[in-house]
Amino acid sequence: MGFKSAAAVYCVVLLWALNINGDGGVEVATAVTCNPMQLSPCAQAIMSSENPSKLCCQRVKEQRPCLCGYMRNPNLQKFVKSAGAQKVASYCRTPFPKC
């Protein structure tokens, strides 16, 4: 494989690995391990009028692909669908997916 062919393959892989998000930013695509405990830094903000922490917002963004599954889980949906969770998602600029 010549240099031009290798460069083309590299560009295709790079474009596949990068995901342009809805607000023009670039996110690196990574595998997500769905674990609702990853959202524990958000508990205080969900249950009070407190603003979420940076760590909470980071975790919400990381766990976003898992939210539909959490919403289908009877044990989790009351928290995930709550007004507090919606407030946190809005504050973190991470809209809930349409499930």
N, C-alpha and C. Protein backbone atom coordinates (compact mmCIF):
# COMPACT_ATOMS: atom_id res chain seq x y z
N MET A 1 0.86 -1.16 0.00
CA MET A 1 0.00 0.00 0.00
C MET A 1 0.90 1.23 0.00
N GLY A 2 0.67 2.14 -0.95
CA GLY A 2 1.46 3.35 -1.04
C GLY A 2 1.06 4.37 -0.01
N PHE A 3 1.82 5.45 0.05
CA PHE A 3 1.57 6.51 1.02
C PHE A 3 0.19 7.12 0.82
N LYS A 4 -0.21 7.38 -0.44
CA LYS A 4 -1.52 7.99 -0.70
C LYS A 4 -2.65 7.06 -0.27
N SER A 5 -2.50 5.77 -0.52
CA SER A 5 -3.53 4.81 -0.12
C SER A 5 -3.62 4.73 1.39
N ALA A 6 -2.49 4.70 2.07
CA ALA A 6 -2.47 4.64 3.52
C ALA A 6 -3.09 5.90 4.11
N ALA A 7 -2.79 7.05 3.51
CA ALA A 7 -3.36 8.32 3.99
C ALA A 7 -4.88 8.33 3.80
N ALA A 8 -5.36 7.80 2.68
CA ALA A 8 -6.80 7.75 2.43
C ALA A 8 -7.48 6.85 3.46
N VAL A 9 -6.89 5.70 3.73
CA VAL A 9 -7.46 4.78 4.73
C VAL A 9 -7.47 5.46 6.10
N TYR A 10 -6.41 6.15 6.44
CA TYR A 10 -6.33 6.84 7.71
C TYR A 10 -7.44 7.89 7.81
N CYS A 11 -7.66 8.65 6.76
CA CYS A 11 -8.71 9.68 6.76
C CYS A 11 -10.09 9.07 6.95
N VAL A 12 -10.35 7.95 6.29
CA VAL A 12 -11.65 7.28 6.42
C VAL A 12 -11.84 6.81 7.86
N VAL A 13 -10.81 6.21 8.44
CA VAL A 13 -10.90 5.74 9.82
C VAL A 13 -11.10 6.92 10.77
N LEU A 14 -10.38 8.00 10.54
CA LEU A 14 -10.51 9.18 11.38
C LEU A 14 -11.92 9.75 11.29
N LEU A 15 -12.48 9.85 10.09
CA LEU A 15 -13.84 10.35 9.93
C LEU A 15 -14.85 9.43 10.59
N TRP A 16 -14.60 8.14 10.55
CA TRP A 16 -15.49 7.18 11.21
C TRP A 16 -15.42 7.35 12.72
N ALA A 17 -14.23 7.60 13.25
CA ALA A 17 -14.05 7.71 14.69
C ALA A 17 -14.57 9.02 15.25
N LEU A 18 -14.64 10.05 14.42
CA LEU A 18 -15.15 11.34 14.87
C LEU A 18 -16.62 11.44 14.55
N ASN A 19 -17.36 12.02 15.46
CA ASN A 19 -18.79 12.18 15.28
C ASN A 19 -19.11 13.65 15.44
N ILE A 20 -19.63 14.30 14.41
CA ILE A 20 -20.01 15.70 14.51
C ILE A 20 -21.32 15.76 15.29
N ASN A 21 -21.33 16.50 16.41
CA ASN A 21 -22.56 16.58 17.19
C ASN A 21 -23.45 17.69 16.68
N GLY A 22 -24.66 17.78 17.22
CA GLY A 22 -25.67 18.70 16.72
C GLY A 22 -25.33 20.17 16.81
N ASP A 23 -24.43 20.55 17.72
CA ASP A 23 -24.13 21.98 17.84
C ASP A 23 -22.80 22.34 17.19
N GLY A 24 -22.35 21.53 16.23
CA GLY A 24 -21.16 21.86 15.46
C GLY A 24 -19.86 21.40 16.08
N GLY A 25 -19.91 20.86 17.28
CA GLY A 25 -18.70 20.37 17.93
C GLY A 25 -18.34 18.99 17.42
N VAL A 26 -17.20 18.54 17.82
CA VAL A 26 -16.73 17.22 17.42
C VAL A 26 -16.55 16.38 18.66
N GLU A 27 -17.08 15.17 18.63
CA GLU A 27 -16.91 14.24 19.73
C GLU A 27 -16.24 12.99 19.20
N VAL A 28 -15.36 12.40 20.00
CA VAL A 28 -14.74 11.15 19.61
C VAL A 28 -15.68 10.03 19.99
N ALA A 29 -15.96 9.16 19.06
CA ALA A 29 -16.85 8.03 19.31
C ALA A 29 -16.13 7.01 20.18
N THR A 30 -16.76 6.63 21.28
CA THR A 30 -16.18 5.63 22.16
C THR A 30 -17.27 4.67 22.59
N ALA A 31 -16.86 3.50 23.02
CA ALA A 31 -17.82 2.53 23.53
C ALA A 31 -18.26 2.98 24.92
N VAL A 32 -19.54 2.84 25.20
CA VAL A 32 -20.09 3.25 26.48
C VAL A 32 -20.51 2.02 27.25
N THR A 33 -20.13 1.95 28.51
CA THR A 33 -20.61 0.92 29.40
C THR A 33 -21.79 1.50 30.16
N CYS A 34 -22.96 0.96 29.93
CA CYS A 34 -24.16 1.48 30.58
C CYS A 34 -24.17 1.04 32.04
N ASN A 35 -24.06 2.03 32.91
CA ASN A 35 -24.07 1.79 34.34
C ASN A 35 -24.74 2.99 35.00
N PRO A 36 -25.97 2.85 35.46
CA PRO A 36 -26.66 4.00 36.03
C PRO A 36 -25.94 4.60 37.23
N MET A 37 -25.09 3.84 37.89
CA MET A 37 -24.33 4.37 39.03
C MET A 37 -23.35 5.46 38.59
N GLN A 38 -23.03 5.48 37.28
CA GLN A 38 -22.17 6.54 36.76
C GLN A 38 -22.83 7.91 36.89
N LEU A 39 -24.15 7.92 37.05
CA LEU A 39 -24.88 9.17 37.18
C LEU A 39 -25.03 9.63 38.63
N SER A 40 -24.41 8.92 39.56
CA SER A 40 -24.55 9.28 40.99
C SER A 40 -24.07 10.70 41.31
N PRO A 41 -23.07 11.27 40.59
CA PRO A 41 -22.71 12.66 40.88
C PRO A 41 -23.85 13.65 40.60
N CYS A 42 -24.91 13.20 39.94
CA CYS A 42 -26.04 14.07 39.59
C CYS A 42 -27.17 13.99 40.61
N ALA A 43 -27.09 13.07 41.55
CA ALA A 43 -28.21 12.82 42.47
C ALA A 43 -28.63 14.08 43.21
N GLN A 44 -27.70 14.82 43.76
CA GLN A 44 -28.03 16.03 44.52
C GLN A 44 -28.73 17.06 43.63
N ALA A 45 -28.23 17.24 42.42
CA ALA A 45 -28.84 18.22 41.51
C ALA A 45 -30.22 17.77 41.05
N ILE A 46 -30.42 16.47 40.89
CA ILE A 46 -31.72 15.95 40.45
C ILE A 46 -32.77 16.15 41.54
N MET A 47 -32.37 15.98 42.80
CA MET A 47 -33.33 16.02 43.90
C MET A 47 -33.43 17.39 44.58
N SER A 48 -32.70 18.39 44.10
CA SER A 48 -32.76 19.71 44.72
C SER A 48 -32.72 20.79 43.63
N SER A 49 -32.64 22.02 44.06
CA SER A 49 -32.53 23.11 43.09
C SER A 49 -31.07 23.44 42.77
N GLU A 50 -30.17 22.64 43.30
CA GLU A 50 -28.73 22.83 43.08
C GLU A 50 -28.37 22.59 41.62
N ASN A 51 -27.45 23.39 41.09
CA ASN A 51 -26.96 23.16 39.72
C ASN A 51 -26.05 21.94 39.70
N PRO A 52 -26.06 21.18 38.61
CA PRO A 52 -25.19 20.01 38.51
C PRO A 52 -23.72 20.42 38.39
N SER A 53 -22.86 19.53 38.85
CA SER A 53 -21.42 19.76 38.78
C SER A 53 -20.91 19.46 37.37
N LYS A 54 -19.68 19.84 37.11
CA LYS A 54 -19.05 19.52 35.82
C LYS A 54 -18.96 18.01 35.66
N LEU A 55 -18.65 17.30 36.75
CA LEU A 55 -18.57 15.84 36.67
C LEU A 55 -19.93 15.25 36.32
N CYS A 56 -20.99 15.79 36.92
CA CYS A 56 -22.34 15.32 36.59
C CYS A 56 -22.61 15.49 35.10
N CYS A 57 -22.34 16.68 34.58
CA CYS A 57 -22.59 16.92 33.15
C CYS A 57 -21.76 16.00 32.26
N GLN A 58 -20.53 15.76 32.66
CA GLN A 58 -19.67 14.84 31.89
C GLN A 58 -20.29 13.45 31.87
N ARG A 59 -20.78 12.99 33.03
CA ARG A 59 -21.36 11.65 33.11
C ARG A 59 -22.67 11.57 32.33
N VAL A 60 -23.48 12.63 32.36
CA VAL A 60 -24.73 12.63 31.59
C VAL A 60 -24.42 12.49 30.11
N LYS A 61 -23.41 13.21 29.64
CA LYS A 61 -23.03 13.13 28.23
C LYS A 61 -22.50 11.74 27.89
N GLU A 62 -21.71 11.16 28.78
CA GLU A 62 -21.17 9.82 28.54
C GLU A 62 -22.28 8.77 28.52
N GLN A 63 -23.25 8.90 29.41
CA GLN A 63 -24.31 7.90 29.56
C GLN A 63 -25.51 8.15 28.66
N ARG A 64 -25.50 9.22 27.87
CA ARG A 64 -26.64 9.55 27.02
C ARG A 64 -27.10 8.38 26.15
N PRO A 65 -26.18 7.60 25.54
CA PRO A 65 -26.66 6.47 24.72
C PRO A 65 -27.41 5.42 25.53
N CYS A 66 -27.29 5.46 26.84
CA CYS A 66 -27.93 4.46 27.70
C CYS A 66 -29.28 4.91 28.23
N LEU A 67 -29.62 6.18 28.06
CA LEU A 67 -30.80 6.74 28.71
C LEU A 67 -32.10 6.05 28.30
N CYS A 68 -32.23 5.64 27.05
CA CYS A 68 -33.46 4.95 26.63
C CYS A 68 -33.63 3.65 27.41
N GLY A 69 -32.55 2.94 27.60
CA GLY A 69 -32.60 1.70 28.39
C GLY A 69 -32.97 1.98 29.83
N TYR A 70 -32.42 3.04 30.39
CA TYR A 70 -32.75 3.42 31.76
C TYR A 70 -34.23 3.80 31.87
N MET A 71 -34.75 4.49 30.85
CA MET A 71 -36.15 4.92 30.88
C MET A 71 -37.10 3.73 30.77
N ARG A 72 -36.66 2.64 30.17
CA ARG A 72 -37.49 1.44 30.05
C ARG A 72 -37.43 0.57 31.31
N ASN A 73 -36.45 0.84 32.18
CA ASN A 73 -36.29 0.06 33.40
C ASN A 73 -37.22 0.62 34.48
N PRO A 74 -38.19 -0.18 34.95
CA PRO A 74 -39.15 0.32 35.94
C PRO A 74 -38.49 0.86 37.21
N ASN A 75 -37.35 0.33 37.59
CA ASN A 75 -36.67 0.79 38.80
C ASN A 75 -35.96 2.13 38.60
N LEU A 76 -35.64 2.48 37.36
CA LEU A 76 -34.89 3.69 37.09
C LEU A 76 -35.71 4.81 36.48
N GLN A 77 -36.80 4.44 35.79
CA GLN A 77 -37.52 5.44 35.01
C GLN A 77 -38.07 6.60 35.84
N LYS A 78 -38.45 6.36 37.08
CA LYS A 78 -38.99 7.46 37.89
C LYS A 78 -37.93 8.52 38.16
N PHE A 79 -36.66 8.13 38.16
CA PHE A 79 -35.59 9.10 38.35
C PHE A 79 -35.20 9.76 37.03
N VAL A 80 -35.06 8.94 35.99
CA VAL A 80 -34.61 9.44 34.70
C VAL A 80 -35.65 10.34 34.05
N LYS A 81 -36.93 10.05 34.27
CA LYS A 81 -38.00 10.85 33.67
C LYS A 81 -38.44 12.01 34.55
N SER A 82 -37.81 12.19 35.70
CA SER A 82 -38.24 13.22 36.64
C SER A 82 -37.92 14.63 36.13
N ALA A 83 -38.62 15.60 36.69
CA ALA A 83 -38.37 17.00 36.34
C ALA A 83 -36.93 17.39 36.69
N GLY A 84 -36.41 16.85 37.79
CA GLY A 84 -35.02 17.14 38.18
C GLY A 84 -34.02 16.62 37.16
N ALA A 85 -34.26 15.44 36.62
CA ALA A 85 -33.37 14.89 35.60
C ALA A 85 -33.44 15.72 34.32
N GLN A 86 -34.64 16.16 33.98
CA GLN A 86 -34.81 17.02 32.80
C GLN A 86 -34.06 18.34 32.99
N LYS A 87 -34.12 18.88 34.22
CA LYS A 87 -33.42 20.13 34.54
C LYS A 87 -31.91 19.94 34.39
N VAL A 88 -31.40 18.82 34.90
CA VAL A 88 -29.96 18.53 34.80
C VAL A 88 -29.55 18.40 33.34
N ALA A 89 -30.31 17.66 32.57
CA ALA A 89 -29.99 17.47 31.15
C ALA A 89 -29.98 18.81 30.42
N SER A 90 -30.95 19.64 30.72
CA SER A 90 -31.02 20.96 30.09
C SER A 90 -29.82 21.82 30.49
N TYR A 91 -29.50 21.84 31.76
CA TYR A 91 -28.36 22.62 32.26
C TYR A 91 -27.06 22.14 31.60
N CYS A 92 -26.94 20.82 31.43
CA CYS A 92 -25.73 20.24 30.84
C CYS A 92 -25.74 20.27 29.32
N ARG A 93 -26.81 20.82 28.74
CA ARG A 93 -26.95 20.91 27.29
C ARG A 93 -26.83 19.54 26.62
N THR A 94 -27.48 18.58 27.23
CA THR A 94 -27.49 17.21 26.73
C THR A 94 -28.95 16.75 26.64
N PRO A 95 -29.59 17.01 25.50
CA PRO A 95 -31.01 16.64 25.39
C PRO A 95 -31.21 15.13 25.50
N PHE A 96 -32.33 14.77 26.09
CA PHE A 96 -32.67 13.37 26.18
C PHE A 96 -32.93 12.83 24.77
N PRO A 97 -32.54 11.60 24.51
CA PRO A 97 -32.82 11.02 23.19
C PRO A 97 -34.31 10.74 23.05
N LYS A 98 -34.75 10.71 21.83
CA LYS A 98 -36.15 10.32 21.57
C LYS A 98 -36.17 8.80 21.47
N CYS A 99 -36.83 8.18 22.45
CA CYS A 99 -36.82 6.72 22.53
C CYS A 99 -38.06 6.12 21.91
